[in-house]
Amino acid sequence: PLRYTVLMGHGMCAGLVAAACTCGFTVSLVTTSLVFHLPFHSSNQLHHFFCDISPVLQLASHHSRLSQLVIFILGVFALVIPLLLILVSYIRILSAILKISSSVGRYKAFSTCASHLIVVTVHYGCASFIYLRPKSNYSSSQDTLISVSYTILTPLFNPMVYSLRNKEFKSALRRTMGQTLYTVN
């Protein structure tokens, strides 16, 4: 954190945004072209809450091992590599935290990192379960529930985790809750 402004200049930010956009575009392009080359039978209803690749592949009358391999490789590309980078950064953060002499400082740093790590674990764990498992274990209802976890719950928890760590937000929440309770009584 102390070197953030030095490391995260305009060039680094632009590079990271370009890399994220390029990766996202590549994954989307490969997945879309894969789907458009599959033969589909008469059913066109997905029993899923969004148009994800696994349920779409289940609609295809014939999906080859190649399509399953492509989805697996894209899953590794989009999930495992970023997760490894996050874990490497957390190992470095952990080693820096352990060098803090104050126990209060270590506690604050650990609590901040722990909440973020929980959100990361939920997101990557659920997404990895969906995209990196054998397709013989496919279950539409189970996949829908797990997909809700990483597409809705993670983005919902992120602002809560970070704003509840903010003292100003906590005091504003207490004032609002106090006013609400006061007007109800």
N, C-alpha and C. Protein backbone atom coordinates (compact mmCIF):
# COMPACT_ATOMS: atom_id res chain seq x y z
N PRO A 1 0.80 -1.22 0.00
CA PRO A 1 0.00 0.00 0.00
C PRO A 1 0.84 1.27 0.00
N LEU A 2 1.99 1.24 0.63
CA LEU A 2 2.80 2.46 0.70
C LEU A 2 3.41 2.80 -0.66
N ARG A 3 3.61 1.82 -1.51
CA ARG A 3 4.19 2.07 -2.83
C ARG A 3 3.14 2.05 -3.93
N TYR A 4 1.88 2.02 -3.59
CA TYR A 4 0.80 1.89 -4.58
C TYR A 4 0.83 3.00 -5.62
N THR A 5 0.97 4.24 -5.18
CA THR A 5 0.94 5.36 -6.13
C THR A 5 2.14 5.34 -7.06
N VAL A 6 3.26 4.81 -6.59
CA VAL A 6 4.44 4.71 -7.45
C VAL A 6 4.26 3.59 -8.48
N LEU A 7 3.78 2.44 -8.01
CA LEU A 7 3.63 1.28 -8.89
C LEU A 7 2.46 1.42 -9.86
N MET A 8 1.38 2.04 -9.42
CA MET A 8 0.17 2.12 -10.23
C MET A 8 0.08 3.46 -10.94
N GLY A 9 0.99 3.69 -11.86
CA GLY A 9 0.94 4.90 -12.67
C GLY A 9 -0.09 4.73 -13.78
N HIS A 10 -0.21 5.74 -14.62
CA HIS A 10 -1.19 5.69 -15.71
C HIS A 10 -0.88 4.56 -16.69
N GLY A 11 0.40 4.33 -16.95
CA GLY A 11 0.79 3.27 -17.88
C GLY A 11 0.41 1.89 -17.36
N MET A 12 0.66 1.66 -16.07
CA MET A 12 0.31 0.37 -15.46
C MET A 12 -1.20 0.16 -15.46
N CYS A 13 -1.94 1.20 -15.10
CA CYS A 13 -3.41 1.10 -15.12
C CYS A 13 -3.92 0.80 -16.52
N ALA A 14 -3.42 1.51 -17.51
CA ALA A 14 -3.85 1.30 -18.89
C ALA A 14 -3.48 -0.11 -19.35
N GLY A 15 -2.30 -0.59 -18.96
CA GLY A 15 -1.89 -1.95 -19.32
C GLY A 15 -2.78 -3.01 -18.69
N LEU A 16 -3.12 -2.82 -17.42
CA LEU A 16 -4.00 -3.78 -16.74
C LEU A 16 -5.39 -3.79 -17.34
N VAL A 17 -5.91 -2.62 -17.65
CA VAL A 17 -7.24 -2.54 -18.28
C VAL A 17 -7.20 -3.19 -19.66
N ALA A 18 -6.16 -2.91 -20.43
CA ALA A 18 -6.04 -3.51 -21.76
C ALA A 18 -5.92 -5.03 -21.67
N ALA A 19 -5.15 -5.53 -20.71
CA ALA A 19 -5.01 -6.98 -20.54
C ALA A 19 -6.33 -7.62 -20.15
N ALA A 20 -7.07 -7.00 -19.24
CA ALA A 20 -8.37 -7.54 -18.83
C ALA A 20 -9.36 -7.54 -19.99
N CYS A 21 -9.38 -6.46 -20.75
CA CYS A 21 -10.30 -6.39 -21.90
C CYS A 21 -9.92 -7.40 -22.97
N THR A 22 -8.63 -7.55 -23.22
CA THR A 22 -8.16 -8.51 -24.23
C THR A 22 -8.51 -9.94 -23.81
N CYS A 23 -8.26 -10.27 -22.57
CA CYS A 23 -8.59 -11.62 -22.07
C CYS A 23 -10.08 -11.87 -22.13
N GLY A 24 -10.87 -10.91 -21.68
CA GLY A 24 -12.32 -11.07 -21.71
C GLY A 24 -12.85 -11.21 -23.13
N PHE A 25 -12.33 -10.40 -24.04
CA PHE A 25 -12.76 -10.47 -25.43
C PHE A 25 -12.36 -11.81 -26.05
N THR A 26 -11.16 -12.29 -25.76
CA THR A 26 -10.70 -13.57 -26.31
C THR A 26 -11.55 -14.72 -25.82
N VAL A 27 -11.81 -14.77 -24.51
CA VAL A 27 -12.65 -15.84 -23.96
C VAL A 27 -14.05 -15.78 -24.57
N SER A 28 -14.63 -14.59 -24.68
CA SER A 28 -15.97 -14.45 -25.25
C SER A 28 -15.99 -14.85 -26.73
N LEU A 29 -14.99 -14.46 -27.47
CA LEU A 29 -14.92 -14.78 -28.90
C LEU A 29 -14.81 -16.28 -29.12
N VAL A 30 -13.94 -16.93 -28.37
CA VAL A 30 -13.77 -18.38 -28.51
C VAL A 30 -15.04 -19.10 -28.11
N THR A 31 -15.66 -18.72 -27.01
CA THR A 31 -16.89 -19.37 -26.55
C THR A 31 -18.03 -19.18 -27.55
N THR A 32 -18.18 -17.97 -28.04
CA THR A 32 -19.25 -17.68 -29.00
C THR A 32 -19.05 -18.45 -30.29
N SER A 33 -17.82 -18.48 -30.80
CA SER A 33 -17.58 -19.22 -32.04
C SER A 33 -17.77 -20.71 -31.83
N LEU A 34 -17.45 -21.21 -30.65
CA LEU A 34 -17.68 -22.62 -30.33
C LEU A 34 -19.17 -22.94 -30.36
N VAL A 35 -19.98 -22.09 -29.76
CA VAL A 35 -21.43 -22.33 -29.71
C VAL A 35 -22.05 -22.27 -31.11
N PHE A 36 -21.60 -21.35 -31.94
CA PHE A 36 -22.19 -21.21 -33.28
C PHE A 36 -21.83 -22.35 -34.21
N HIS A 37 -20.87 -23.19 -33.84
CA HIS A 37 -20.50 -24.33 -34.67
C HIS A 37 -21.11 -25.63 -34.18
N LEU A 38 -21.95 -25.59 -33.17
CA LEU A 38 -22.58 -26.79 -32.64
C LEU A 38 -23.97 -26.97 -33.22
N PRO A 39 -24.36 -28.23 -33.48
CA PRO A 39 -25.74 -28.47 -33.93
C PRO A 39 -26.69 -28.52 -32.72
N PHE A 40 -27.82 -27.83 -32.82
CA PHE A 40 -28.80 -27.80 -31.74
C PHE A 40 -30.07 -28.50 -32.18
N HIS A 41 -30.71 -29.19 -31.24
CA HIS A 41 -32.00 -29.80 -31.54
C HIS A 41 -33.12 -28.83 -31.20
N SER A 42 -34.34 -29.30 -31.18
CA SER A 42 -35.50 -28.41 -31.11
C SER A 42 -35.63 -27.62 -29.80
N SER A 43 -35.16 -28.14 -28.70
CA SER A 43 -35.31 -27.44 -27.42
C SER A 43 -34.40 -26.21 -27.38
N ASN A 44 -34.97 -25.08 -27.01
CA ASN A 44 -34.16 -23.87 -26.90
C ASN A 44 -34.36 -23.18 -25.56
N GLN A 45 -34.79 -23.92 -24.57
CA GLN A 45 -34.99 -23.34 -23.24
C GLN A 45 -33.87 -23.77 -22.30
N LEU A 46 -33.28 -22.77 -21.67
CA LEU A 46 -32.25 -23.03 -20.68
C LEU A 46 -32.90 -23.08 -19.31
N HIS A 47 -32.53 -24.06 -18.54
CA HIS A 47 -33.00 -24.12 -17.16
C HIS A 47 -31.88 -23.58 -16.27
N HIS A 48 -31.65 -22.30 -16.46
CA HIS A 48 -30.56 -21.61 -15.80
C HIS A 48 -30.97 -20.15 -15.71
N PHE A 49 -30.36 -19.36 -14.85
CA PHE A 49 -30.82 -17.98 -14.72
C PHE A 49 -30.06 -17.02 -15.63
N PHE A 50 -29.01 -17.48 -16.31
CA PHE A 50 -28.37 -16.67 -17.35
C PHE A 50 -27.79 -17.62 -18.39
N CYS A 51 -27.46 -17.10 -19.54
CA CYS A 51 -27.01 -17.90 -20.68
C CYS A 51 -25.53 -18.24 -20.52
N ASP A 52 -25.25 -19.24 -19.71
CA ASP A 52 -23.88 -19.68 -19.46
C ASP A 52 -23.51 -20.77 -20.46
N ILE A 53 -22.24 -21.01 -20.64
CA ILE A 53 -21.78 -21.94 -21.66
C ILE A 53 -22.16 -23.39 -21.36
N SER A 54 -22.10 -23.81 -20.09
CA SER A 54 -22.42 -25.21 -19.77
C SER A 54 -23.85 -25.58 -20.11
N PRO A 55 -24.86 -24.79 -19.72
CA PRO A 55 -26.23 -25.13 -20.11
C PRO A 55 -26.46 -25.05 -21.63
N VAL A 56 -25.77 -24.12 -22.29
CA VAL A 56 -25.91 -24.02 -23.74
C VAL A 56 -25.34 -25.27 -24.40
N LEU A 57 -24.22 -25.75 -23.90
CA LEU A 57 -23.65 -26.98 -24.45
C LEU A 57 -24.57 -28.18 -24.21
N GLN A 58 -25.30 -28.15 -23.11
CA GLN A 58 -26.25 -29.25 -22.85
C GLN A 58 -27.40 -29.24 -23.85
N LEU A 59 -27.73 -28.08 -24.42
CA LEU A 59 -28.78 -27.99 -25.43
C LEU A 59 -28.34 -28.54 -26.78
N ALA A 60 -27.05 -28.54 -27.02
CA ALA A 60 -26.54 -29.02 -28.31
C ALA A 60 -26.81 -30.52 -28.44
N SER A 61 -27.21 -30.92 -29.64
CA SER A 61 -27.49 -32.34 -29.85
C SER A 61 -26.20 -33.16 -29.82
N HIS A 62 -25.09 -32.52 -30.10
CA HIS A 62 -23.81 -33.21 -30.05
C HIS A 62 -22.73 -32.20 -29.66
N HIS A 63 -22.16 -32.36 -28.49
CA HIS A 63 -21.01 -31.52 -28.14
C HIS A 63 -19.82 -32.44 -27.91
N SER A 64 -18.78 -32.14 -28.60
CA SER A 64 -17.62 -33.02 -28.65
C SER A 64 -16.71 -32.84 -27.44
N ARG A 65 -15.77 -33.74 -27.35
CA ARG A 65 -14.74 -33.61 -26.32
C ARG A 65 -13.92 -32.36 -26.55
N LEU A 66 -13.81 -31.96 -27.82
CA LEU A 66 -13.06 -30.75 -28.14
C LEU A 66 -13.71 -29.52 -27.50
N SER A 67 -15.03 -29.43 -27.57
CA SER A 67 -15.70 -28.28 -26.95
C SER A 67 -15.53 -28.31 -25.44
N GLN A 68 -15.58 -29.49 -24.84
CA GLN A 68 -15.36 -29.59 -23.40
C GLN A 68 -13.93 -29.21 -23.03
N LEU A 69 -12.97 -29.62 -23.87
CA LEU A 69 -11.57 -29.28 -23.64
C LEU A 69 -11.34 -27.78 -23.77
N VAL A 70 -11.97 -27.17 -24.77
CA VAL A 70 -11.84 -25.72 -24.97
C VAL A 70 -12.39 -24.97 -23.76
N ILE A 71 -13.55 -25.38 -23.26
CA ILE A 71 -14.14 -24.74 -22.08
C ILE A 71 -13.23 -24.92 -20.87
N PHE A 72 -12.65 -26.10 -20.72
CA PHE A 72 -11.73 -26.34 -19.60
C PHE A 72 -10.50 -25.44 -19.70
N ILE A 73 -9.91 -25.35 -20.90
CA ILE A 73 -8.72 -24.51 -21.09
C ILE A 73 -9.05 -23.04 -20.84
N LEU A 74 -10.22 -22.59 -21.32
CA LEU A 74 -10.63 -21.21 -21.05
C LEU A 74 -10.84 -20.99 -19.56
N GLY A 75 -11.38 -22.00 -18.87
CA GLY A 75 -11.56 -21.91 -17.42
C GLY A 75 -10.23 -21.76 -16.70
N VAL A 76 -9.24 -22.52 -17.14
CA VAL A 76 -7.90 -22.40 -16.55
C VAL A 76 -7.35 -21.00 -16.83
N PHE A 77 -7.51 -20.55 -18.06
CA PHE A 77 -7.01 -19.23 -18.48
C PHE A 77 -7.68 -18.11 -17.68
N ALA A 78 -8.99 -18.21 -17.47
CA ALA A 78 -9.74 -17.11 -16.84
C ALA A 78 -9.86 -17.26 -15.33
N LEU A 79 -9.62 -18.44 -14.79
CA LEU A 79 -9.81 -18.65 -13.35
C LEU A 79 -8.52 -18.99 -12.62
N VAL A 80 -7.80 -19.98 -13.09
CA VAL A 80 -6.64 -20.47 -12.34
C VAL A 80 -5.50 -19.46 -12.36
N ILE A 81 -5.22 -18.90 -13.52
CA ILE A 81 -4.11 -17.94 -13.61
C ILE A 81 -4.36 -16.70 -12.74
N PRO A 82 -5.55 -16.05 -12.82
CA PRO A 82 -5.78 -14.92 -11.91
C PRO A 82 -5.77 -15.32 -10.43
N LEU A 83 -6.31 -16.51 -10.13
CA LEU A 83 -6.29 -16.95 -8.73
C LEU A 83 -4.87 -17.14 -8.24
N LEU A 84 -4.01 -17.70 -9.06
CA LEU A 84 -2.60 -17.87 -8.67
C LEU A 84 -1.93 -16.52 -8.45
N LEU A 85 -2.22 -15.55 -9.31
CA LEU A 85 -1.66 -14.21 -9.12
C LEU A 85 -2.15 -13.57 -7.82
N ILE A 86 -3.43 -13.77 -7.50
CA ILE A 86 -3.98 -13.24 -6.24
C ILE A 86 -3.31 -13.93 -5.06
N LEU A 87 -3.14 -15.24 -5.13
CA LEU A 87 -2.51 -15.96 -4.02
C LEU A 87 -1.05 -15.54 -3.83
N VAL A 88 -0.32 -15.33 -4.93
CA VAL A 88 1.06 -14.86 -4.82
C VAL A 88 1.09 -13.49 -4.15
N SER A 89 0.16 -12.61 -4.54
CA SER A 89 0.14 -11.29 -3.91
C SER A 89 -0.22 -11.39 -2.44
N TYR A 90 -1.11 -12.32 -2.08
CA TYR A 90 -1.46 -12.48 -0.66
C TYR A 90 -0.32 -13.09 0.14
N ILE A 91 0.47 -13.93 -0.47
CA ILE A 91 1.65 -14.46 0.23
C ILE A 91 2.62 -13.32 0.52
N ARG A 92 2.80 -12.43 -0.44
CA ARG A 92 3.68 -11.28 -0.22
C ARG A 92 3.09 -10.34 0.84
N ILE A 93 1.78 -10.14 0.81
CA ILE A 93 1.12 -9.30 1.82
C ILE A 93 1.27 -9.94 3.20
N LEU A 94 1.08 -11.24 3.27
CA LEU A 94 1.20 -11.95 4.54
C LEU A 94 2.61 -11.81 5.11
N SER A 95 3.62 -11.94 4.26
CA SER A 95 4.99 -11.79 4.76
C SER A 95 5.24 -10.36 5.24
N ALA A 96 4.64 -9.36 4.58
CA ALA A 96 4.78 -7.98 5.03
C ALA A 96 4.04 -7.76 6.35
N ILE A 97 2.87 -8.38 6.50
CA ILE A 97 2.09 -8.23 7.74
C ILE A 97 2.85 -8.83 8.92
N LEU A 98 3.48 -9.97 8.69
CA LEU A 98 4.20 -10.63 9.78
C LEU A 98 5.39 -9.80 10.26
N LYS A 99 5.85 -8.86 9.44
CA LYS A 99 6.96 -7.99 9.83
C LYS A 99 6.50 -6.79 10.65
N ILE A 100 5.19 -6.57 10.74
CA ILE A 100 4.65 -5.45 11.54
C ILE A 100 4.88 -5.77 13.01
N SER A 101 5.47 -4.84 13.73
CA SER A 101 5.80 -5.11 15.13
C SER A 101 4.59 -4.98 16.06
N SER A 102 3.66 -4.12 15.73
CA SER A 102 2.49 -3.89 16.58
C SER A 102 1.44 -4.99 16.37
N SER A 103 0.96 -5.56 17.47
CA SER A 103 -0.07 -6.59 17.35
C SER A 103 -1.39 -6.00 16.87
N VAL A 104 -1.67 -4.76 17.23
CA VAL A 104 -2.89 -4.09 16.76
C VAL A 104 -2.81 -3.87 15.25
N GLY A 105 -1.64 -3.47 14.78
CA GLY A 105 -1.44 -3.27 13.34
C GLY A 105 -1.57 -4.57 12.58
N ARG A 106 -1.00 -5.65 13.11
CA ARG A 106 -1.13 -6.97 12.47
C ARG A 106 -2.58 -7.40 12.44
N TYR A 107 -3.32 -7.18 13.53
CA TYR A 107 -4.72 -7.56 13.60
C TYR A 107 -5.54 -6.82 12.55
N LYS A 108 -5.33 -5.50 12.44
CA LYS A 108 -6.07 -4.70 11.46
C LYS A 108 -5.78 -5.19 10.04
N ALA A 109 -4.51 -5.43 9.77
CA ALA A 109 -4.12 -5.87 8.43
C ALA A 109 -4.70 -7.25 8.13
N PHE A 110 -4.63 -8.18 9.09
CA PHE A 110 -5.19 -9.51 8.89
C PHE A 110 -6.70 -9.46 8.68
N SER A 111 -7.38 -8.65 9.46
CA SER A 111 -8.84 -8.60 9.33
C SER A 111 -9.26 -8.02 7.99
N THR A 112 -8.52 -7.03 7.50
CA THR A 112 -8.82 -6.46 6.19
C THR A 112 -8.58 -7.50 5.10
N CYS A 113 -7.46 -8.19 5.18
CA CYS A 113 -7.13 -9.20 4.16
C CYS A 113 -8.07 -10.40 4.24
N ALA A 114 -8.45 -10.80 5.44
CA ALA A 114 -9.30 -11.98 5.60
C ALA A 114 -10.65 -11.78 4.93
N SER A 115 -11.26 -10.61 5.08
CA SER A 115 -12.57 -10.39 4.47
C SER A 115 -12.47 -10.43 2.94
N HIS A 116 -11.43 -9.84 2.39
CA HIS A 116 -11.24 -9.89 0.94
C HIS A 116 -10.96 -11.31 0.48
N LEU A 117 -10.16 -12.04 1.23
CA LEU A 117 -9.81 -13.41 0.86
C LEU A 117 -11.03 -14.33 0.90
N ILE A 118 -11.96 -14.07 1.80
CA ILE A 118 -13.19 -14.86 1.85
C ILE A 118 -14.01 -14.63 0.59
N VAL A 119 -14.15 -13.39 0.16
CA VAL A 119 -14.90 -13.09 -1.06
C VAL A 119 -14.22 -13.71 -2.27
N VAL A 120 -12.90 -13.62 -2.34
CA VAL A 120 -12.15 -14.21 -3.45
C VAL A 120 -12.33 -15.73 -3.46
N THR A 121 -12.27 -16.36 -2.30
CA THR A 121 -12.42 -17.81 -2.21
C THR A 121 -13.81 -18.25 -2.66
N VAL A 122 -14.84 -17.55 -2.23
CA VAL A 122 -16.20 -17.89 -2.65
C VAL A 122 -16.34 -17.75 -4.16
N HIS A 123 -15.87 -16.64 -4.70
CA HIS A 123 -16.00 -16.40 -6.13
C HIS A 123 -15.24 -17.44 -6.95
N TYR A 124 -13.95 -17.58 -6.70
CA TYR A 124 -13.14 -18.50 -7.50
C TYR A 124 -13.47 -19.96 -7.21
N GLY A 125 -13.84 -20.28 -5.98
CA GLY A 125 -14.23 -21.66 -5.67
C GLY A 125 -15.47 -22.08 -6.43
N CYS A 126 -16.49 -21.24 -6.41
CA CYS A 126 -17.73 -21.57 -7.12
C CYS A 126 -17.52 -21.59 -8.64
N ALA A 127 -16.84 -20.60 -9.16
CA ALA A 127 -16.60 -20.55 -10.61
C ALA A 127 -15.73 -21.72 -11.06
N SER A 128 -14.74 -22.09 -10.27
CA SER A 128 -13.90 -23.23 -10.62
C SER A 128 -14.70 -24.52 -10.60
N PHE A 129 -15.59 -24.66 -9.64
CA PHE A 129 -16.43 -25.85 -9.59
C PHE A 129 -17.28 -25.98 -10.85
N ILE A 130 -17.78 -24.88 -11.36
CA ILE A 130 -18.63 -24.90 -12.56
C ILE A 130 -17.81 -25.22 -13.81
N TYR A 131 -16.67 -24.56 -13.99
CA TYR A 131 -15.97 -24.64 -15.27
C TYR A 131 -14.83 -25.65 -15.33
N LEU A 132 -14.34 -26.13 -14.20
CA LEU A 132 -13.17 -27.00 -14.21
C LEU A 132 -13.47 -28.43 -13.79
N ARG A 133 -14.70 -28.83 -13.77
CA ARG A 133 -15.03 -30.20 -13.39
C ARG A 133 -15.43 -30.98 -14.65
N PRO A 134 -15.41 -32.30 -14.56
CA PRO A 134 -15.85 -33.10 -15.72
C PRO A 134 -17.34 -32.87 -15.99
N LYS A 135 -17.70 -32.81 -17.25
CA LYS A 135 -19.09 -32.54 -17.62
C LYS A 135 -20.01 -33.70 -17.28
N SER A 136 -19.46 -34.86 -16.94
CA SER A 136 -20.31 -35.99 -16.54
C SER A 136 -20.99 -35.69 -15.21
N ASN A 137 -20.46 -34.74 -14.45
CA ASN A 137 -21.04 -34.36 -13.15
C ASN A 137 -22.01 -33.20 -13.27
N TYR A 138 -22.49 -32.90 -14.46
CA TYR A 138 -23.34 -31.74 -14.69
C TYR A 138 -24.71 -31.94 -14.05
N SER A 139 -25.15 -30.94 -13.30
CA SER A 139 -26.48 -30.93 -12.70
C SER A 139 -27.04 -29.51 -12.84
N SER A 140 -28.12 -29.38 -13.60
CA SER A 140 -28.66 -28.06 -13.90
C SER A 140 -29.06 -27.28 -12.65
N SER A 141 -29.77 -27.91 -11.74
CA SER A 141 -30.23 -27.19 -10.54
C SER A 141 -29.06 -26.82 -9.63
N GLN A 142 -28.11 -27.72 -9.49
CA GLN A 142 -26.94 -27.44 -8.66
C GLN A 142 -26.10 -26.33 -9.28
N ASP A 143 -25.92 -26.37 -10.60
CA ASP A 143 -25.14 -25.34 -11.28
C ASP A 143 -25.80 -23.97 -11.16
N THR A 144 -27.13 -23.93 -11.23
CA THR A 144 -27.83 -22.66 -11.11
C THR A 144 -27.57 -22.03 -9.74
N LEU A 145 -27.68 -22.83 -8.71
CA LEU A 145 -27.45 -22.34 -7.35
C LEU A 145 -26.01 -21.85 -7.17
N ILE A 146 -25.05 -22.62 -7.67
CA ILE A 146 -23.65 -22.23 -7.53
C ILE A 146 -23.36 -20.98 -8.36
N SER A 147 -23.96 -20.89 -9.55
CA SER A 147 -23.76 -19.71 -10.40
C SER A 147 -24.30 -18.45 -9.74
N VAL A 148 -25.41 -18.56 -9.01
CA VAL A 148 -25.93 -17.42 -8.27
C VAL A 148 -24.89 -16.95 -7.25
N SER A 149 -24.19 -17.90 -6.64
CA SER A 149 -23.18 -17.54 -5.64
C SER A 149 -22.09 -16.66 -6.21
N TYR A 150 -21.56 -17.01 -7.38
CA TYR A 150 -20.43 -16.24 -7.87
C TYR A 150 -20.81 -15.09 -8.80
N THR A 151 -22.05 -15.05 -9.27
CA THR A 151 -22.44 -13.92 -10.12
C THR A 151 -23.25 -12.86 -9.39
N ILE A 152 -23.92 -13.23 -8.31
CA ILE A 152 -24.75 -12.26 -7.58
C ILE A 152 -24.20 -12.00 -6.18
N LEU A 153 -23.90 -13.05 -5.43
CA LEU A 153 -23.47 -12.85 -4.05
C LEU A 153 -22.11 -12.16 -3.93
N THR A 154 -21.15 -12.57 -4.76
CA THR A 154 -19.83 -11.95 -4.67
C THR A 154 -19.89 -10.45 -4.96
N PRO A 155 -20.52 -10.01 -6.07
CA PRO A 155 -20.61 -8.55 -6.28
C PRO A 155 -21.44 -7.85 -5.19
N LEU A 156 -22.37 -8.56 -4.58
CA LEU A 156 -23.16 -7.98 -3.51
C LEU A 156 -22.33 -7.83 -2.24
N PHE A 157 -21.50 -8.82 -1.94
CA PHE A 157 -20.69 -8.78 -0.73
C PHE A 157 -19.52 -7.80 -0.82
N ASN A 158 -18.95 -7.62 -2.00
CA ASN A 158 -17.77 -6.77 -2.14
C ASN A 158 -17.97 -5.37 -1.58
N PRO A 159 -19.01 -4.63 -1.99
CA PRO A 159 -19.17 -3.28 -1.41
C PRO A 159 -19.43 -3.32 0.09
N MET A 160 -20.17 -4.34 0.55
CA MET A 160 -20.45 -4.43 1.98
C MET A 160 -19.17 -4.68 2.76
N VAL A 161 -18.33 -5.59 2.27
CA VAL A 161 -17.09 -5.91 2.97
C VAL A 161 -16.21 -4.67 3.08
N TYR A 162 -16.07 -3.93 1.99
CA TYR A 162 -15.17 -2.79 2.01
C TYR A 162 -15.77 -1.57 2.71
N SER A 163 -17.07 -1.37 2.59
CA SER A 163 -17.65 -0.20 3.25
C SER A 163 -17.81 -0.42 4.75
N LEU A 164 -18.01 -1.65 5.19
CA LEU A 164 -18.12 -1.90 6.63
C LEU A 164 -16.77 -1.76 7.33
N ARG A 165 -15.68 -1.69 6.58
CA ARG A 165 -14.37 -1.47 7.15
C ARG A 165 -14.11 0.03 7.30
N ASN A 166 -14.96 0.85 6.74
CA ASN A 166 -14.77 2.30 6.73
C ASN A 166 -15.46 2.91 7.96
N LYS A 167 -14.72 3.67 8.75
CA LYS A 167 -15.27 4.24 9.99
C LYS A 167 -16.40 5.23 9.72
N GLU A 168 -16.23 6.05 8.68
CA GLU A 168 -17.27 7.03 8.36
C GLU A 168 -18.57 6.33 7.97
N PHE A 169 -18.45 5.25 7.19
CA PHE A 169 -19.64 4.51 6.79
C PHE A 169 -20.32 3.89 8.00
N LYS A 170 -19.53 3.32 8.91
CA LYS A 170 -20.10 2.70 10.11
C LYS A 170 -20.85 3.73 10.95
N SER A 171 -20.27 4.92 11.13
CA SER A 171 -20.95 5.92 11.95
C SER A 171 -22.21 6.43 11.25
N ALA A 172 -22.17 6.59 9.92
CA ALA A 172 -23.36 7.01 9.17
C ALA A 172 -24.45 5.93 9.26
N LEU A 173 -24.06 4.67 9.20
CA LEU A 173 -25.02 3.57 9.32
C LEU A 173 -25.65 3.57 10.71
N ARG A 174 -24.84 3.79 11.75
CA ARG A 174 -25.38 3.84 13.12
C ARG A 174 -26.36 5.01 13.27
N ARG A 175 -26.00 6.18 12.72
CA ARG A 175 -26.90 7.34 12.80
C ARG A 175 -28.21 7.05 12.08
N THR A 176 -28.12 6.46 10.88
CA THR A 176 -29.33 6.16 10.10
C THR A 176 -30.19 5.14 10.82
N MET A 177 -29.56 4.09 11.35
CA MET A 177 -30.32 3.07 12.08
C MET A 177 -30.93 3.66 13.34
N GLY A 178 -30.20 4.55 14.01
CA GLY A 178 -30.73 5.21 15.21
C GLY A 178 -31.91 6.09 14.86
N GLN A 179 -31.83 6.84 13.78
CA GLN A 179 -32.96 7.70 13.36
C GLN A 179 -34.15 6.86 12.96
N THR A 180 -33.91 5.75 12.27
CA THR A 180 -35.00 4.87 11.85
C THR A 180 -35.68 4.26 13.06
N LEU A 181 -34.91 3.80 14.03
CA LEU A 181 -35.50 3.23 15.23
C LEU A 181 -36.23 4.29 16.04
N TYR A 182 -35.70 5.52 16.06
CA TYR A 182 -36.31 6.61 16.80
C TYR A 182 -37.66 6.98 16.17
N THR A 183 -37.75 7.04 14.84
CA THR A 183 -39.02 7.43 14.19
C THR A 183 -40.06 6.31 14.28
N VAL A 184 -39.62 5.06 14.37
CA VAL A 184 -40.57 3.95 14.48
C VAL A 184 -41.21 3.95 15.86
N ASN A 185 -40.44 4.28 16.90
CA ASN A 185 -40.97 4.29 18.26
C ASN A 185 -41.81 5.50 18.41
